[in-house]
Amino acid sequence: MRKFLSMLLGLGIGWAIGTLLVTFFAPLTSDELRETWQDHYERALAAGRAASARRRAELEQELEELGKGS
């Protein structure tokens, strides 16, 4: 458990350092960078919601088929 927590801490620190480096050395203004990150976030969120909706439809169909088999 201790190794896992150490790994998570290392990943968190690495993420923070990487974020700072990108922020300082990005060839974009802060507004452009914020818009880019927001766009990526919104696209990832939309993709997650679409995948969730597809999986939900699959599971509902499976449940319906199981109900008909009884």
N, C-alpha and C. Protein backbone atom coordinates (compact mmCIF):
# COMPACT_ATOMS: atom_id res chain seq x y z
N MET A 1 0.83 -1.19 0.00
CA MET A 1 0.00 0.00 0.00
C MET A 1 0.87 1.25 0.00
N ARG A 2 1.96 1.18 0.70
CA ARG A 2 2.85 2.33 0.79
C ARG A 2 3.47 2.66 -0.58
N LYS A 3 3.82 1.60 -1.33
CA LYS A 3 4.39 1.82 -2.67
C LYS A 3 3.37 2.49 -3.59
N PHE A 4 2.12 2.07 -3.45
CA PHE A 4 1.06 2.63 -4.28
C PHE A 4 0.88 4.12 -3.97
N LEU A 5 0.86 4.46 -2.70
CA LEU A 5 0.71 5.87 -2.31
C LEU A 5 1.90 6.70 -2.77
N SER A 6 3.09 6.11 -2.69
CA SER A 6 4.28 6.81 -3.17
C SER A 6 4.20 7.05 -4.67
N MET A 7 3.69 6.05 -5.39
CA MET A 7 3.55 6.21 -6.84
C MET A 7 2.54 7.31 -7.16
N LEU A 8 1.41 7.32 -6.44
CA LEU A 8 0.41 8.36 -6.66
C LEU A 8 0.97 9.75 -6.36
N LEU A 9 1.73 9.86 -5.29
CA LEU A 9 2.35 11.13 -4.94
C LEU A 9 3.31 11.57 -6.05
N GLY A 10 4.12 10.64 -6.53
CA GLY A 10 5.05 10.95 -7.62
C GLY A 10 4.34 11.38 -8.88
N LEU A 11 3.24 10.69 -9.21
CA LEU A 11 2.46 11.08 -10.39
C LEU A 11 1.86 12.48 -10.22
N GLY A 12 1.36 12.75 -9.02
CA GLY A 12 0.78 14.08 -8.76
C GLY A 12 1.81 15.18 -8.87
N ILE A 13 2.98 14.95 -8.31
CA ILE A 13 4.05 15.95 -8.40
C ILE A 13 4.49 16.13 -9.85
N GLY A 14 4.63 15.02 -10.56
CA GLY A 14 5.02 15.10 -11.98
C GLY A 14 3.99 15.84 -12.81
N TRP A 15 2.71 15.58 -12.52
CA TRP A 15 1.64 16.28 -13.23
C TRP A 15 1.71 17.78 -12.97
N ALA A 16 1.93 18.14 -11.70
CA ALA A 16 1.99 19.56 -11.34
C ALA A 16 3.17 20.25 -12.02
N ILE A 17 4.32 19.60 -12.01
CA ILE A 17 5.51 20.19 -12.65
C ILE A 17 5.29 20.30 -14.15
N GLY A 18 4.74 19.27 -14.75
CA GLY A 18 4.46 19.30 -16.19
C GLY A 18 3.50 20.41 -16.56
N THR A 19 2.47 20.59 -15.76
CA THR A 19 1.49 21.65 -16.00
C THR A 19 2.15 23.02 -15.92
N LEU A 20 3.00 23.21 -14.92
CA LEU A 20 3.70 24.49 -14.79
C LEU A 20 4.62 24.75 -15.98
N LEU A 21 5.35 23.73 -16.41
CA LEU A 21 6.25 23.90 -17.55
C LEU A 21 5.49 24.23 -18.82
N VAL A 22 4.39 23.55 -19.05
CA VAL A 22 3.58 23.84 -20.24
C VAL A 22 3.04 25.26 -20.17
N THR A 23 2.60 25.65 -18.99
CA THR A 23 2.04 26.99 -18.83
C THR A 23 3.08 28.07 -19.11
N PHE A 24 4.29 27.88 -18.62
CA PHE A 24 5.33 28.90 -18.79
C PHE A 24 5.93 28.93 -20.19
N PHE A 25 6.04 27.75 -20.83
CA PHE A 25 6.74 27.69 -22.11
C PHE A 25 5.83 27.49 -23.32
N ALA A 26 4.55 27.50 -23.14
CA ALA A 26 3.62 27.33 -24.26
C ALA A 26 3.68 28.55 -25.17
N PRO A 27 3.61 28.33 -26.48
CA PRO A 27 3.65 29.46 -27.41
C PRO A 27 2.30 30.16 -27.55
N LEU A 28 1.42 29.98 -26.59
CA LEU A 28 0.10 30.59 -26.61
C LEU A 28 -0.03 31.59 -25.47
N THR A 29 -0.95 32.50 -25.63
CA THR A 29 -1.25 33.41 -24.52
C THR A 29 -2.04 32.63 -23.48
N SER A 30 -2.17 33.19 -22.31
CA SER A 30 -2.89 32.48 -21.25
C SER A 30 -4.34 32.24 -21.63
N ASP A 31 -4.96 33.19 -22.32
CA ASP A 31 -6.36 33.02 -22.73
C ASP A 31 -6.49 31.91 -23.77
N GLU A 32 -5.57 31.88 -24.73
CA GLU A 32 -5.59 30.83 -25.75
C GLU A 32 -5.35 29.46 -25.12
N LEU A 33 -4.42 29.40 -24.19
CA LEU A 33 -4.13 28.14 -23.52
C LEU A 33 -5.34 27.67 -22.71
N ARG A 34 -5.98 28.58 -22.01
CA ARG A 34 -7.17 28.23 -21.23
C ARG A 34 -8.28 27.72 -22.16
N GLU A 35 -8.48 28.39 -23.29
CA GLU A 35 -9.50 27.95 -24.25
C GLU A 35 -9.18 26.58 -24.82
N THR A 36 -7.90 26.32 -25.10
CA THR A 36 -7.48 25.03 -25.62
C THR A 36 -7.76 23.93 -24.60
N TRP A 37 -7.37 24.18 -23.36
CA TRP A 37 -7.62 23.18 -22.31
C TRP A 37 -9.11 22.96 -22.11
N GLN A 38 -9.88 24.03 -22.14
CA GLN A 38 -11.33 23.90 -21.96
C GLN A 38 -11.94 23.11 -23.11
N ASP A 39 -11.45 23.34 -24.33
CA ASP A 39 -11.94 22.61 -25.50
C ASP A 39 -11.64 21.12 -25.36
N HIS A 40 -10.40 20.80 -24.95
CA HIS A 40 -10.03 19.39 -24.76
C HIS A 40 -10.90 18.75 -23.68
N TYR A 41 -11.13 19.46 -22.60
CA TYR A 41 -11.96 18.95 -21.51
C TYR A 41 -13.38 18.69 -21.98
N GLU A 42 -13.95 19.64 -22.72
CA GLU A 42 -15.33 19.49 -23.19
C GLU A 42 -15.46 18.34 -24.18
N ARG A 43 -14.46 18.16 -25.05
CA ARG A 43 -14.51 17.04 -25.99
C ARG A 43 -14.39 15.71 -25.27
N ALA A 44 -13.51 15.63 -24.27
CA ALA A 44 -13.37 14.39 -23.50
C ALA A 44 -14.65 14.09 -22.73
N LEU A 45 -15.27 15.11 -22.17
CA LEU A 45 -16.52 14.94 -21.44
C LEU A 45 -17.63 14.46 -22.38
N ALA A 46 -17.70 15.03 -23.56
CA ALA A 46 -18.72 14.62 -24.54
C ALA A 46 -18.48 13.17 -24.98
N ALA A 47 -17.23 12.80 -25.18
CA ALA A 47 -16.92 11.43 -25.58
C ALA A 47 -17.29 10.46 -24.47
N GLY A 48 -17.03 10.83 -23.24
CA GLY A 48 -17.40 9.99 -22.11
C GLY A 48 -18.90 9.83 -21.99
N ARG A 49 -19.62 10.91 -22.17
CA ARG A 49 -21.08 10.83 -22.10
C ARG A 49 -21.64 9.98 -23.23
N ALA A 50 -21.07 10.10 -24.44
CA ALA A 50 -21.54 9.30 -25.56
C ALA A 50 -21.27 7.82 -25.32
N ALA A 51 -20.09 7.49 -24.80
CA ALA A 51 -19.77 6.10 -24.50
C ALA A 51 -20.69 5.57 -23.41
N SER A 52 -21.00 6.39 -22.43
CA SER A 52 -21.91 5.99 -21.36
C SER A 52 -23.30 5.72 -21.90
N ALA A 53 -23.77 6.57 -22.78
CA ALA A 53 -25.10 6.40 -23.37
C ALA A 53 -25.16 5.12 -24.21
N ARG A 54 -24.10 4.86 -24.98
CA ARG A 54 -24.07 3.63 -25.79
C ARG A 54 -24.11 2.40 -24.89
N ARG A 55 -23.31 2.42 -23.85
CA ARG A 55 -23.24 1.26 -22.95
C ARG A 55 -24.58 1.08 -22.21
N ARG A 56 -25.18 2.17 -21.83
CA ARG A 56 -26.49 2.09 -21.15
C ARG A 56 -27.52 1.46 -22.07
N ALA A 57 -27.53 1.87 -23.36
CA ALA A 57 -28.47 1.31 -24.32
C ALA A 57 -28.22 -0.19 -24.50
N GLU A 58 -26.95 -0.59 -24.55
CA GLU A 58 -26.61 -2.01 -24.67
C GLU A 58 -27.13 -2.79 -23.46
N LEU A 59 -26.90 -2.26 -22.28
CA LEU A 59 -27.33 -2.95 -21.06
C LEU A 59 -28.85 -3.01 -20.95
N GLU A 60 -29.54 -1.94 -21.35
CA GLU A 60 -31.00 -1.95 -21.32
C GLU A 60 -31.56 -2.98 -22.29
N GLN A 61 -30.93 -3.08 -23.46
CA GLN A 61 -31.37 -4.07 -24.44
C GLN A 61 -31.13 -5.49 -23.90
N GLU A 62 -29.98 -5.70 -23.28
CA GLU A 62 -29.67 -6.99 -22.70
C GLU A 62 -30.68 -7.36 -21.59
N LEU A 63 -31.00 -6.40 -20.75
CA LEU A 63 -31.97 -6.62 -19.69
C LEU A 63 -33.35 -6.96 -20.26
N GLU A 64 -33.71 -6.25 -21.32
CA GLU A 64 -35.01 -6.53 -21.96
C GLU A 64 -35.06 -7.94 -22.53
N GLU A 65 -33.95 -8.36 -23.15
CA GLU A 65 -33.88 -9.71 -23.69
C GLU A 65 -33.93 -10.77 -22.59
N LEU A 66 -33.30 -10.48 -21.48
CA LEU A 66 -33.35 -11.43 -20.36
C LEU A 66 -34.76 -11.51 -19.77
N GLY A 67 -35.45 -10.38 -19.74
CA GLY A 67 -36.83 -10.36 -19.23
C GLY A 67 -37.78 -11.14 -20.12
N LYS A 68 -37.56 -11.12 -21.41
CA LYS A 68 -38.42 -11.85 -22.34
C LYS A 68 -38.17 -13.36 -22.26
N GLY A 69 -36.97 -13.74 -21.85
CA GLY A 69 -36.62 -15.16 -21.76
C GLY A 69 -37.26 -15.86 -20.59
N SER A 70 -37.76 -15.12 -19.61
CA SER A 70 -38.33 -15.73 -18.40
C SER A 70 -39.69 -16.33 -18.64
